[in-house]
Protein backbone atom coordinates (compact mmCIF):
# COMPACT_ATOMS: atom_id res chain seq x y z
CA MET A 1 113.58 76.69 30.75
CA ASN A 2 114.96 73.28 33.11
CA ARG A 3 118.13 72.08 32.67
CA ARG A 4 116.69 68.73 30.98
CA SER A 5 115.06 71.00 27.98
CA PHE A 6 118.49 73.54 27.77
CA LEU A 7 120.24 70.25 27.10
CA ALA A 8 118.03 68.86 24.57
CA ALA A 9 118.01 72.97 23.21
CA SER A 10 122.01 72.29 23.12
CA ALA A 11 122.00 68.85 21.48
CA ALA A 12 119.63 70.16 18.87
CA ALA A 13 122.13 72.84 18.09
CA GLY A 14 125.48 70.80 17.57
CA LEU A 15 126.32 71.46 21.04
CA ARG A 16 127.51 68.17 23.95
CA ALA A 17 127.26 68.85 27.52
CA GLU A 18 130.68 68.24 28.09
CA ASP A 19 131.15 71.51 25.78
CA LEU A 20 129.51 73.29 28.08
CA PRO A 21 130.94 74.92 31.39
CA PRO A 22 130.28 73.46 34.50
CA VAL A 23 126.87 74.60 36.45
CA ARG A 24 126.07 73.49 39.91
CA GLN A 25 123.36 74.81 42.21
CA ILE A 26 124.15 77.25 44.90
CA THR A 27 120.49 77.98 46.46
CA ARG A 28 117.34 75.77 46.60
CA GLY A 29 113.64 76.27 47.05
CA PRO A 30 111.34 76.45 48.08
CA LYS A 31 111.91 80.28 47.70
CA PHE A 32 112.99 81.71 44.44
CA HIS A 33 116.75 83.21 44.15
CA TRP A 34 118.27 85.63 41.08
CA PHE A 35 120.63 88.08 40.71
CA GLY A 36 119.30 91.01 38.87
CA TYR A 37 121.05 94.40 39.91
CA TYR A 38 122.36 96.76 36.83
CA ASP A 39 124.84 98.43 39.22
CA LYS A 40 126.39 95.21 41.17
CA LEU A 41 128.78 92.74 40.66
CA GLN A 42 127.08 89.52 41.30
CA PHE A 43 130.46 87.68 43.00
CA ASP A 44 132.84 89.67 45.26
CA PRO A 45 136.59 89.86 44.55
CA SER A 46 137.83 86.82 46.14
CA ASN A 47 134.91 85.22 44.05
CA ARG A 48 133.86 83.75 47.39
CA TYR A 49 130.56 85.52 48.12
CA VAL A 50 127.57 85.84 45.74
CA LEU A 51 124.56 88.60 45.83
CA GLY A 52 121.24 87.69 45.25
CA MET A 53 117.33 88.12 45.67
CA GLU A 54 114.88 85.68 47.31
CA VAL A 55 111.45 86.20 46.89
CA ASP A 56 107.94 83.70 47.29
CA PHE A 57 106.91 84.19 43.44
CA GLU A 58 108.33 83.56 40.01
CA HIS A 59 107.43 84.88 36.31
CA ARG A 60 106.84 88.30 37.45
CA SER A 61 108.24 91.34 38.05
CA PRO A 62 108.23 92.56 41.80
CA THR A 63 105.26 94.50 42.50
CA PRO A 64 105.02 97.00 45.79
CA GLY A 65 103.23 94.55 48.16
CA ASP A 66 105.97 91.80 47.64
CA THR A 67 108.77 91.02 49.84
CA ILE A 68 112.56 90.61 48.91
CA ARG A 69 115.35 89.34 50.82
CA ILE A 70 118.89 90.37 49.72
CA GLY A 71 122.00 88.33 50.82
CA MET A 72 124.60 86.80 50.25
CA VAL A 73 125.94 83.17 49.17
CA ASP A 74 129.01 81.76 51.26
CA LEU A 75 130.68 79.68 48.57
CA LYS A 76 133.35 78.33 50.92
CA ASP A 77 131.13 77.32 53.53
CA ASN A 78 128.67 75.91 50.99
CA PRO A 79 130.17 73.73 48.45
CA SER A 80 127.20 71.91 47.48
CA HIS A 81 124.07 72.91 47.36
CA ARG A 82 122.92 70.27 50.18
CA SER A 83 122.56 72.97 52.49
CA ARG A 84 121.62 76.47 51.61
CA GLN A 85 123.91 79.15 53.34
CA GLU A 86 122.31 82.45 52.74
CA LEU A 87 123.47 85.21 54.95
CA PRO A 88 120.66 87.86 55.53
CA ARG A 89 121.25 91.49 54.89
CA SER A 90 118.03 93.18 54.19
CA ARG A 91 115.14 92.65 53.66
CA GLY A 92 111.98 94.98 52.55
CA PRO A 93 109.35 96.06 50.24
CA ALA A 94 109.95 95.94 46.59
CA HIS A 95 109.59 99.16 45.22
């Protein structure tokens, strides 16, 4: 779902954009980014760093042949999405 369709569905449900919490983009393509750990926190205790993963695909689960990059986004040194500030930590097969 993209932002436009989310806002349209929200409007149909009676929500207005100003009723929703603020949202900002912290990464950008051409790769795909997400957070999906069951036993880790997405933000560090100071809320400066965001933990996430980067892959070359979307709309499917990783396979053993895929590579996933794990890293952090520094929100202090990356106040907007104009330049992606990812700090690579690890890279390896997705198995």
